[in-house]
């Protein structure tokens, strides 16, 4: 009987370890999924701001009003940076008005 009890105890320990490891794996997967979703949302928001700027809308960057009407234009070889000759802003870090 002692042998059966020891096997049962080992099975319980193995089962507990399995579920402990499974919970950790699921938690890690959820965290990675969360970071992926946040990154995707940030990328879409940045593209939305760039498209709004291209369409002539006003964009707010560090309390400055940035628009094509104010003389801002895209920097050469840089997709999301705009400048007016004095100030340079990354549109992906800006907000829509």
PDB file of N, CA and C in Angstrom:
ATOM      1  N   UNK A   1       0.804  -1.193   0.000  1.00  0.00           N
ATOM      2  CA  UNK A   1       0.000   0.000   0.000  1.00  0.00           C
ATOM      3  C   UNK A   1       0.851   1.262   0.000  1.00  0.00           C
ATOM      4  N   UNK A   2       1.988   1.196   0.652  1.00  0.00           N
ATOM      5  CA  UNK A   2       2.854   2.372   0.687  1.00  0.00           C
ATOM      6  C   UNK A   2       3.330   2.735  -0.710  1.00  0.00           C
ATOM      7  N   UNK A   3       3.584   1.715  -1.540  1.00  0.00           N
ATOM      8  CA  UNK A   3       4.038   1.945  -2.902  1.00  0.00           C
ATOM      9  C   UNK A   3       2.955   2.650  -3.714  1.00  0.00           C
ATOM     10  N   UNK A   4       1.702   2.272  -3.536  1.00  0.00           N
ATOM     11  CA  UNK A   4       0.590   2.891  -4.239  1.00  0.00           C
ATOM     12  C   UNK A   4       0.433   4.342  -3.792  1.00  0.00           C
ATOM     13  N   UNK A   5       0.555   4.594  -2.501  1.00  0.00           N
ATOM     14  CA  UNK A   5       0.448   5.963  -1.991  1.00  0.00           C
ATOM     15  C   UNK A   5       1.567   6.850  -2.520  1.00  0.00           C
ATOM     16  N   UNK A   6       2.778   6.300  -2.607  1.00  0.00           N
ATOM     17  CA  UNK A   6       3.897   7.093  -3.116  1.00  0.00           C
ATOM     18  C   UNK A   6       3.710   7.399  -4.599  1.00  0.00           C
ATOM     19  N   UNK A   7       3.145   6.439  -5.352  1.00  0.00           N
ATOM     20  CA  UNK A   7       2.871   6.701  -6.770  1.00  0.00           C
ATOM     21  C   UNK A   7       1.786   7.766  -6.917  1.00  0.00           C
ATOM     22  N   UNK A   8       0.793   7.704  -6.074  1.00  0.00           N
ATOM     23  CA  UNK A   8      -0.273   8.703  -6.111  1.00  0.00           C
ATOM     24  C   UNK A   8       0.278  10.077  -5.773  1.00  0.00           C
ATOM     25  N   UNK A   9       1.154  10.143  -4.782  1.00  0.00           N
ATOM     26  CA  UNK A   9       1.778  11.421  -4.425  1.00  0.00           C
ATOM     27  C   UNK A   9       2.626  11.957  -5.570  1.00  0.00           C
ATOM     28  N   UNK A  10       3.376  11.077  -6.244  1.00  0.00           N
ATOM     29  CA  UNK A  10       4.193  11.504  -7.377  1.00  0.00           C
ATOM     30  C   UNK A  10       3.318  11.983  -8.523  1.00  0.00           C
ATOM     31  N   UNK A  11       2.212  11.298  -8.764  1.00  0.00           N
ATOM     32  CA  UNK A  11       1.288  11.717  -9.822  1.00  0.00           C
ATOM     33  C   UNK A  11       0.689  13.084  -9.507  1.00  0.00           C
ATOM     34  N   UNK A  12       0.343  13.302  -8.243  1.00  0.00           N
ATOM     35  CA  UNK A  12      -0.200  14.591  -7.843  1.00  0.00           C
ATOM     36  C   UNK A  12       0.836  15.694  -8.033  1.00  0.00           C
ATOM     37  N   UNK A  13       2.088  15.409  -7.665  1.00  0.00           N
ATOM     38  CA  UNK A  13       3.150  16.398  -7.827  1.00  0.00           C
ATOM     39  C   UNK A  13       3.384  16.701  -9.304  1.00  0.00           C
ATOM     40  N   UNK A  14       3.404  15.654 -10.136  1.00  0.00           N
ATOM     41  CA  UNK A  14       3.581  15.854 -11.573  1.00  0.00           C
ATOM     42  C   UNK A  14       2.420  16.654 -12.162  1.00  0.00           C
ATOM     43  N   UNK A  15       1.218  16.348 -11.722  1.00  0.00           N
ATOM     44  CA  UNK A  15       0.028  17.057 -12.198  1.00  0.00           C
ATOM     45  C   UNK A  15       0.088  18.530 -11.781  1.00  0.00           C
ATOM     46  N   UNK A  16       0.462  18.797 -10.549  1.00  0.00           N
ATOM     47  CA  UNK A  16       0.569  20.169 -10.068  1.00  0.00           C
ATOM     48  C   UNK A  16       1.638  20.934 -10.845  1.00  0.00           C
ATOM     49  N   UNK A  17       2.773  20.283 -11.093  1.00  0.00           N
ATOM     50  CA  UNK A  17       3.837  20.935 -11.854  1.00  0.00           C
ATOM     51  C   UNK A  17       3.389  21.217 -13.282  1.00  0.00           C
ATOM     52  N   UNK A  18       2.689  20.265 -13.888  1.00  0.00           N
ATOM     53  CA  UNK A  18       2.205  20.443 -15.260  1.00  0.00           C
ATOM     54  C   UNK A  18       1.285  21.663 -15.349  1.00  0.00           C
ATOM     55  N   UNK A  19       0.328  21.765 -14.440  1.00  0.00           N
ATOM     56  CA  UNK A  19      -0.602  22.895 -14.481  1.00  0.00           C
ATOM     57  C   UNK A  19       0.084  24.208 -14.113  1.00  0.00           C
ATOM     58  N   UNK A  20       1.069  24.155 -13.243  1.00  0.00           N
ATOM     59  CA  UNK A  20       1.859  25.345 -12.915  1.00  0.00           C
ATOM     60  C   UNK A  20       2.591  25.839 -14.162  1.00  0.00           C
ATOM     61  N   UNK A  21       3.245  24.921 -14.875  1.00  0.00           N
ATOM     62  CA  UNK A  21       3.969  25.281 -16.096  1.00  0.00           C
ATOM     63  C   UNK A  21       3.000  25.745 -17.185  1.00  0.00           C
ATOM     64  N   UNK A  22       1.863  25.092 -17.296  1.00  0.00           N
ATOM     65  CA  UNK A  22       0.869  25.465 -18.298  1.00  0.00           C
ATOM     66  C   UNK A  22       0.342  26.878 -18.040  1.00  0.00           C
ATOM     67  N   UNK A  23       0.101  27.219 -16.785  1.00  0.00           N
ATOM     68  CA  UNK A  23      -0.353  28.567 -16.446  1.00  0.00           C
ATOM     69  C   UNK A  23       0.697  29.602 -16.823  1.00  0.00           C
ATOM     70  N   UNK A  24       1.948  29.294 -16.567  1.00  0.00           N
ATOM     71  CA  UNK A  24       3.037  30.221 -16.926  1.00  0.00           C
ATOM     72  C   UNK A  24       3.119  30.420 -18.431  1.00  0.00           C
ATOM     73  N   UNK A  25       2.978  29.341 -19.188  1.00  0.00           N
ATOM     74  CA  UNK A  25       3.042  29.435 -20.651  1.00  0.00           C
ATOM     75  C   UNK A  25       1.875  30.257 -21.180  1.00  0.00           C
ATOM     76  N   UNK A  26       0.691  30.024 -20.654  1.00  0.00           N
ATOM     77  CA  UNK A  26      -0.484  30.786 -21.089  1.00  0.00           C
ATOM     78  C   UNK A  26      -0.329  32.258 -20.733  1.00  0.00           C
ATOM     79  N   UNK A  27       0.169  32.552 -19.555  1.00  0.00           N
ATOM     80  CA  UNK A  27       0.387  33.938 -19.150  1.00  0.00           C
ATOM     81  C   UNK A  27       1.401  34.626 -20.061  1.00  0.00           C
ATOM     82  N   UNK A  28       2.495  33.942 -20.370  1.00  0.00           N
ATOM     83  CA  UNK A  28       3.516  34.509 -21.263  1.00  0.00           C
ATOM     84  C   UNK A  28       2.931  34.759 -22.654  1.00  0.00           C
ATOM     85  N   UNK A  29       2.121  33.845 -23.134  1.00  0.00           N
ATOM     86  CA  UNK A  29       1.490  33.999 -24.440  1.00  0.00           C
ATOM     87  C   UNK A  29       0.550  35.207 -24.440  1.00  0.00           C
ATOM     88  N   UNK A  30      -0.203  35.386 -23.375  1.00  0.00           N
ATOM     89  CA  UNK A  30      -1.118  36.528 -23.269  1.00  0.00           C
ATOM     90  C   UNK A  30      -0.356  37.845 -23.247  1.00  0.00           C
ATOM     91  N   UNK A  31       0.768  37.890 -22.556  1.00  0.00           N
ATOM     92  CA  UNK A  31       1.573  39.108 -22.502  1.00  0.00           C
ATOM     93  C   UNK A  31       2.133  39.432 -23.888  1.00  0.00           C
ATOM     94  N   UNK A  32       2.622  38.427 -24.600  1.00  0.00           N
ATOM     95  CA  UNK A  32       3.136  38.646 -25.952  1.00  0.00           C
ATOM     96  C   UNK A  32       2.014  39.123 -26.863  1.00  0.00           C
ATOM     97  N   UNK A  33       0.844  38.536 -26.741  1.00  0.00           N
ATOM     98  CA  UNK A  33      -0.315  38.945 -27.529  1.00  0.00           C
ATOM     99  C   UNK A  33      -0.710  40.386 -27.225  1.00  0.00           C
ATOM    100  N   UNK A  34      -0.647  40.775 -25.972  1.00  0.00           N
ATOM    101  CA  UNK A  34      -0.960  42.142 -25.571  1.00  0.00           C
ATOM    102  C   UNK A  34       0.021  43.129 -26.201  1.00  0.00           C
ATOM    103  N   UNK A  35       1.314  42.829 -26.149  1.00  0.00           N
ATOM    104  CA  UNK A  35       2.312  43.703 -26.758  1.00  0.00           C
ATOM    105  C   UNK A  35       2.113  43.799 -28.268  1.00  0.00           C
ATOM    106  N   UNK A  36       1.775  42.691 -28.896  1.00  0.00           N
ATOM    107  CA  UNK A  36       1.525  42.692 -30.341  1.00  0.00           C
ATOM    108  C   UNK A  36       0.335  43.584 -30.669  1.00  0.00           C
ATOM    109  N   UNK A  37      -0.746  43.475 -29.896  1.00  0.00           N
ATOM    110  CA  UNK A  37      -1.944  44.278 -30.139  1.00  0.00           C
ATOM    111  C   UNK A  37      -1.663  45.772 -29.926  1.00  0.00           C
ATOM    112  N   UNK A  38      -0.923  46.096 -28.867  1.00  0.00           N
ATOM    113  CA  UNK A  38      -0.586  47.501 -28.614  1.00  0.00           C
ATOM    114  C   UNK A  38       0.300  48.070 -29.711  1.00  0.00           C
ATOM    115  N   UNK A  39       1.239  47.287 -30.186  1.00  0.00           N
ATOM    116  CA  UNK A  39       2.119  47.724 -31.263  1.00  0.00           C
ATOM    117  C   UNK A  39       1.329  47.957 -32.545  1.00  0.00           C
ATOM    118  N   UNK A  40       0.413  47.053 -32.846  1.00  0.00           N
ATOM    119  CA  UNK A  40      -0.413  47.178 -34.047  1.00  0.00           C
ATOM    120  C   UNK A  40      -1.280  48.436 -33.964  1.00  0.00           C
ATOM    121  N   UNK A  41      -1.854  48.688 -32.787  1.00  0.00           N
ATOM    122  CA  UNK A  41      -2.706  49.871 -32.598  1.00  0.00           C
ATOM    123  C   UNK A  41      -1.890  51.149 -32.754  1.00  0.00           C
ATOM    124  N   UNK A  42      -0.692  51.169 -32.182  1.00  0.00           N
ATOM    125  CA  UNK A  42       0.182  52.341 -32.284  1.00  0.00           C
ATOM    126  C   UNK A  42       0.578  52.593 -33.736  1.00  0.00           C
ATOM    127  N   UNK A  43       0.853  51.542 -34.477  1.00  0.00           N
ATOM    128  CA  UNK A  43       1.228  51.669 -35.883  1.00  0.00           C
ATOM    129  C   UNK A  43       0.064  52.220 -36.709  1.00  0.00           C
ATOM    130  N   UNK A  44      -1.147  51.723 -36.451  1.00  0.00           N
ATOM    131  CA  UNK A  44      -2.320  52.210 -37.168  1.00  0.00           C
ATOM    132  C   UNK A  44      -2.591  53.672 -36.834  1.00  0.00           C
ATOM    133  N   UNK A  45      -2.411  54.052 -35.576  1.00  0.00           N
ATOM    134  CA  UNK A  45      -2.621  55.444 -35.170  1.00  0.00           C
ATOM    135  C   UNK A  45      -1.600  56.356 -35.855  1.00  0.00           C
ATOM    136  N   UNK A  46      -0.350  55.916 -35.946  1.00  0.00           N
ATOM    137  CA  UNK A  46       0.682  56.708 -36.624  1.00  0.00           C
ATOM    138  C   UNK A  46       0.369  56.891 -38.098  1.00  0.00           C
ATOM    139  N   UNK A  47      -0.099  55.829 -38.742  1.00  0.00           N
ATOM    140  CA  UNK A  47      -0.455  55.930 -40.158  1.00  0.00           C
ATOM    141  C   UNK A  47      -1.659  56.844 -40.355  1.00  0.00           C
ATOM    142  N   UNK A  48      -2.588  56.828 -39.405  1.00  0.00           N
ATOM    143  CA  UNK A  48      -3.759  57.697 -39.475  1.00  0.00           C
ATOM    144  C   UNK A  48      -3.344  59.169 -39.405  1.00  0.00           C
ATOM    145  N   UNK A  49      -2.396  59.481 -38.535  1.00  0.00           N
ATOM    146  CA  UNK A  49      -1.910  60.858 -38.402  1.00  0.00           C
ATOM    147  C   UNK A  49      -1.185  61.290 -39.669  1.00  0.00           C
ATOM    148  N   UNK A  50      -0.378  60.407 -40.243  1.00  0.00           N
ATOM    149  CA  UNK A  50       0.350  60.732 -41.480  1.00  0.00           C
ATOM    150  C   UNK A  50      -0.635  61.002 -42.614  1.00  0.00           C
ATOM    151  N   UNK A  51      -1.656  60.160 -42.735  1.00  0.00           N
ATOM    152  CA  UNK A  51      -2.657  60.357 -43.787  1.00  0.00           C
ATOM    153  C   UNK A  51      -3.433  61.653 -43.575  1.00  0.00           C
ATOM    154  N   UNK A  52      -3.742  61.983 -42.336  1.00  0.00           N
ATOM    155  CA  UNK A  52      -4.441  63.238 -42.048  1.00  0.00           C
ATOM    156  C   UNK A  52      -3.573  64.429 -42.446  1.00  0.00           C
ATOM    157  N   UNK A  53      -2.276  64.361 -42.160  1.00  0.00           N
ATOM    158  CA  UNK A  53      -1.361  65.446 -42.540  1.00  0.00           C
ATOM    159  C   UNK A  53      -1.311  65.581 -44.057  1.00  0.00           C
ATOM    160  N   UNK A  54      -1.229  64.457 -44.765  1.00  0.00           N
ATOM    161  CA  UNK A  54      -1.188  64.486 -46.232  1.00  0.00           C
ATOM    162  C   UNK A  54      -2.455  65.093 -46.818  1.00  0.00           C
ATOM    163  N   UNK A  55      -3.589  64.886 -46.130  1.00  0.00           N
ATOM    164  CA  UNK A  55      -4.864  65.415 -46.610  1.00  0.00           C
ATOM    165  C   UNK A  55      -5.075  66.877 -46.234  1.00  0.00           C
ATOM    166  N   UNK A  56      -4.119  67.485 -45.566  1.00  0.00           N
ATOM    167  CA  UNK A  56      -4.187  68.898 -45.236  1.00  0.00           C
ATOM    168  C   UNK A  56      -4.802  69.204 -43.885  1.00  0.00           C
ATOM    169  N   UNK A  57      -5.043  68.195 -43.074  1.00  0.00           N
ATOM    170  CA  UNK A  57      -5.606  68.423 -41.742  1.00  0.00           C
ATOM    171  C   UNK A  57      -4.529  68.920 -40.784  1.00  0.00           C
ATOM    172  N   UNK A  58      -4.978  69.497 -39.674  1.00  0.00           N
ATOM    173  CA  UNK A  58      -4.076  70.027 -38.659  1.00  0.00           C
ATOM    174  C   UNK A  58      -3.708  68.910 -37.685  1.00  0.00           C
ATOM    175  N   UNK A  59      -2.428  68.861 -37.318  1.00  0.00           N
ATOM    176  CA  UNK A  59      -1.903  67.859 -36.394  1.00  0.00           C
ATOM    177  C   UNK A  59      -1.205  68.603 -35.253  1.00  0.00           C
ATOM    178  N   UNK A  60      -1.346  68.084 -34.040  1.00  0.00           N
ATOM    179  CA  UNK A  60      -0.711  68.695 -32.865  1.00  0.00           C
ATOM    180  C   UNK A  60       0.535  67.887 -32.496  1.00  0.00           C
ATOM    181  N   UNK A  61       1.691  68.560 -32.495  1.00  0.00           N
ATOM    182  CA  UNK A  61       2.957  67.926 -32.119  1.00  0.00           C
ATOM    183  C   UNK A  61       3.615  68.772 -31.038  1.00  0.00           C
ATOM    184  N   UNK A  62       3.722  68.241 -29.844  1.00  0.00           N
ATOM    185  CA  UNK A  62       4.365  68.939 -28.732  1.00  0.00           C
ATOM    186  C   UNK A  62       3.859  70.373 -28.598  1.00  0.00           C
ATOM    187  N   UNK A  63       2.579  70.530 -28.550  1.00  0.00           N
ATOM    188  CA  UNK A  63       1.871  71.814 -28.400  1.00  0.00           C
ATOM    189  C   UNK A  63       2.123  72.768 -29.572  1.00  0.00           C
ATOM    190  N   UNK A  64       2.550  72.256 -30.697  1.00  0.00           N
ATOM    191  CA  UNK A  64       2.706  73.061 -31.914  1.00  0.00           C
ATOM    192  C   UNK A  64       1.695  72.589 -32.951  1.00  0.00           C
ATOM    193  N   UNK A  65       1.150  73.528 -33.688  1.00  0.00           N
ATOM    194  CA  UNK A  65       0.201  73.191 -34.741  1.00  0.00           C
ATOM    195  C   UNK A  65       0.997  72.947 -36.020  1.00  0.00           C
ATOM    196  N   UNK A  66       0.851  71.737 -36.552  1.00  0.00           N
ATOM    197  CA  UNK A  66       1.608  71.320 -37.722  1.00  0.00           C
ATOM    198  C   UNK A  66       0.623  71.029 -38.849  1.00  0.00           C
ATOM    199  N   UNK A  67       0.822  71.679 -39.982  1.00  0.00           N
ATOM    200  CA  UNK A  67       0.000  71.402 -41.159  1.00  0.00           C
ATOM    201  C   UNK A  67       0.759  71.847 -42.398  1.00  0.00           C
ATOM    202  N   UNK A  68       0.256  71.442 -43.516  1.00  0.00           N
ATOM    203  CA  UNK A  68       0.876  71.838 -44.778  1.00  0.00           C
ATOM    204  C   UNK A  68       0.712  73.350 -44.969  1.00  0.00           C
ATOM    205  N   UNK A  69      -0.409  73.903 -44.509  1.00  0.00           N
ATOM    206  CA  UNK A  69      -0.669  75.348 -44.635  1.00  0.00           C
ATOM    207  C   UNK A  69       0.329  76.177 -43.837  1.00  0.00           C
ATOM    208  N   UNK A  70       0.879  75.610 -42.774  1.00  0.00           N
ATOM    209  CA  UNK A  70       1.863  76.314 -41.945  1.00  0.00           C
ATOM    210  C   UNK A  70       3.279  76.158 -42.476  1.00  0.00           C
ATOM    211  N   UNK A  71       3.447  75.562 -43.639  1.00  0.00           N
ATOM    212  CA  UNK A  71       4.760  75.457 -44.267  1.00  0.00           C
ATOM    213  C   UNK A  71       5.528  74.187 -43.948  1.00  0.00           C
ATOM    214  N   UNK A  72       4.880  73.228 -43.322  1.00  0.00           N
ATOM    215  CA  UNK A  72       5.556  71.968 -43.021  1.00  0.00           C
ATOM    216  C   UNK A  72       5.498  71.051 -44.229  1.00  0.00           C
ATOM    217  N   UNK A  73       6.594  70.374 -44.470  1.00  0.00           N
ATOM    218  CA  UNK A  73       6.641  69.373 -45.539  1.00  0.00           C
ATOM    219  C   UNK A  73       7.514  68.215 -45.103  1.00  0.00           C
ATOM    220  N   UNK A  74       7.364  67.080 -45.790  1.00  0.00           N
ATOM    221  CA  UNK A  74       8.086  65.865 -45.414  1.00  0.00           C
ATOM    222  C   UNK A  74       9.583  66.031 -45.638  1.00  0.00           C
ATOM    223  N   UNK A  75      10.360  65.477 -44.727  1.00  0.00           N
ATOM    224  CA  UNK A  75      11.818  65.460 -44.864  1.00  0.00           C
ATOM    225  C   UNK A  75      12.205  64.476 -45.972  1.00  0.00           C
ATOM    226  N   UNK A  76      13.298  64.749 -46.630  1.00  0.00           N
ATOM    227  CA  UNK A  76      13.777  63.845 -47.665  1.00  0.00           C
ATOM    228  C   UNK A  76      14.203  62.519 -47.038  1.00  0.00           C
ATOM    229  N   UNK A  77      13.857  61.431 -47.673  1.00  0.00           N
ATOM    230  CA  UNK A  77      14.231  60.064 -47.268  1.00  0.00           C
ATOM    231  C   UNK A  77      13.677  59.657 -45.900  1.00  0.00           C
ATOM    232  N   UNK A  78      12.728  60.412 -45.370  1.00  0.00           N
ATOM    233  CA  UNK A  78      12.130  60.042 -44.087  1.00  0.00           C
ATOM    234  C   UNK A  78      10.623  60.076 -44.249  1.00  0.00           C
ATOM    235  N   UNK A  79      10.004  58.952 -43.983  1.00  0.00           N
ATOM    236  CA  UNK A  79       8.585  58.777 -44.256  1.00  0.00           C
ATOM    237  C   UNK A  79       7.680  59.568 -43.307  1.00  0.00           C
ATOM    238  N   UNK A  80       8.047  59.669 -42.062  1.00  0.00           N
ATOM    239  CA  UNK A  80       7.122  60.239 -41.088  1.00  0.00           C
ATOM    240  C   UNK A  80       7.617  61.535 -40.445  1.00  0.00           C
ATOM    241  N   UNK A  81       8.718  62.069 -40.882  1.00  0.00           N
ATOM    242  CA  UNK A  81       9.245  63.312 -40.311  1.00  0.00           C
ATOM    243  C   UNK A  81       8.871  64.496 -41.198  1.00  0.00           C
ATOM    244  N   UNK A  82       8.411  65.572 -40.553  1.00  0.00           N
ATOM    245  CA  UNK A  82       8.086  66.803 -41.266  1.00  0.00           C
ATOM    246  C   UNK A  82       8.852  67.957 -40.635  1.00  0.00           C
ATOM    247  N   UNK A  83       9.114  68.975 -41.439  1.00  0.00           N
ATOM    248  CA  UNK A  83       9.795  70.152 -40.895  1.00  0.00           C
ATOM    249  C   UNK A  83       9.374  71.386 -41.661  1.00  0.00           C
ATOM    250  N   UNK A  84       9.609  72.525 -41.038  1.00  0.00           N
ATOM    251  CA  UNK A  84       9.356  73.814 -41.690  1.00  0.00           C
ATOM    252  C   UNK A  84      10.661  74.581 -41.857  1.00  0.00           C
ATOM    253  N   UNK A  85      11.766  73.890 -41.742  1.00  0.00           N
ATOM    254  CA  UNK A  85      13.074  74.530 -41.839  1.00  0.00           C
ATOM    255  C   UNK A  85      13.671  74.830 -40.483  1.00  0.00           C
ATOM    256  N   UNK A  86      12.839  74.938 -39.456  1.00  0.00           N
ATOM    257  CA  UNK A  86      13.302  75.234 -38.103  1.00  0.00           C
ATOM    258  C   UNK A  86      13.007  74.052 -37.177  1.00  0.00           C
ATOM    259  N   UNK A  87      11.755  73.636 -37.158  1.00  0.00           N
ATOM    260  CA  UNK A  87      11.318  72.539 -36.286  1.00  0.00           C
ATOM    261  C   UNK A  87      11.146  71.257 -37.080  1.00  0.00           C
ATOM    262  N   UNK A  88      11.498  70.156 -36.454  1.00  0.00           N
ATOM    263  CA  UNK A  88      11.317  68.838 -37.060  1.00  0.00           C
ATOM    264  C   UNK A  88      10.462  68.012 -36.114  1.00  0.00           C
ATOM    265  N   UNK A  89       9.420  67.358 -36.656  1.00  0.00           N
ATOM    266  CA  UNK A  89       8.526  66.532 -35.853  1.00  0.00           C
ATOM    267  C   UNK A  89       8.344  65.162 -36.492  1.00  0.00           C
ATOM    268  N   UNK A  90       8.215  64.157 -35.652  1.00  0.00           N
ATOM    269  CA  UNK A  90       7.864  62.810 -36.084  1.00  0.00           C
ATOM    270  C   UNK A  90       6.352  62.691 -35.991  1.00  0.00           C
ATOM    271  N   UNK A  91       5.679  62.539 -37.117  1.00  0.00           N
ATOM    272  CA  UNK A  91       4.222  62.506 -37.125  1.00  0.00           C
ATOM    273  C   UNK A  91       3.654  61.316 -36.358  1.00  0.00           C
ATOM    274  N   UNK A  92       4.416  60.257 -36.231  1.00  0.00           N
ATOM    275  CA  UNK A  92       3.925  59.092 -35.498  1.00  0.00           C
ATOM    276  C   UNK A  92       3.800  59.368 -34.010  1.00  0.00           C
ATOM    277  N   UNK A  93       4.443  60.417 -33.519  1.00  0.00           N
ATOM    278  CA  UNK A  93       4.357  60.793 -32.116  1.00  0.00           C
ATOM    279  C   UNK A  93       3.352  61.920 -31.880  1.00  0.00           C
ATOM    280  N   UNK A  94       2.681  62.351 -32.934  1.00  0.00           N
ATOM    281  CA  UNK A  94       1.757  63.478 -32.843  1.00  0.00           C
ATOM    282  C   UNK A  94       0.318  62.977 -32.725  1.00  0.00           C
ATOM    283  N   UNK A  95      -0.598  63.915 -32.464  1.00  0.00           N
ATOM    284  CA  UNK A  95      -2.021  63.612 -32.321  1.00  0.00           C
ATOM    285  C   UNK A  95      -2.822  64.430 -33.313  1.00  0.00           C
ATOM    286  N   UNK A  96      -3.988  63.907 -33.660  1.00  0.00           N
ATOM    287  CA  UNK A  96      -4.906  64.657 -34.510  1.00  0.00           C
ATOM    288  C   UNK A  96      -5.580  65.747 -33.685  1.00  0.00           C
ATOM    289  N   UNK A  97      -5.916  66.837 -34.333  1.00  0.00           N
ATOM    290  CA  UNK A  97      -6.590  67.933 -33.619  1.00  0.00           C
ATOM    291  C   UNK A  97      -8.045  67.600 -33.427  1.00  0.00           C
TER     292      UNK A  97
END
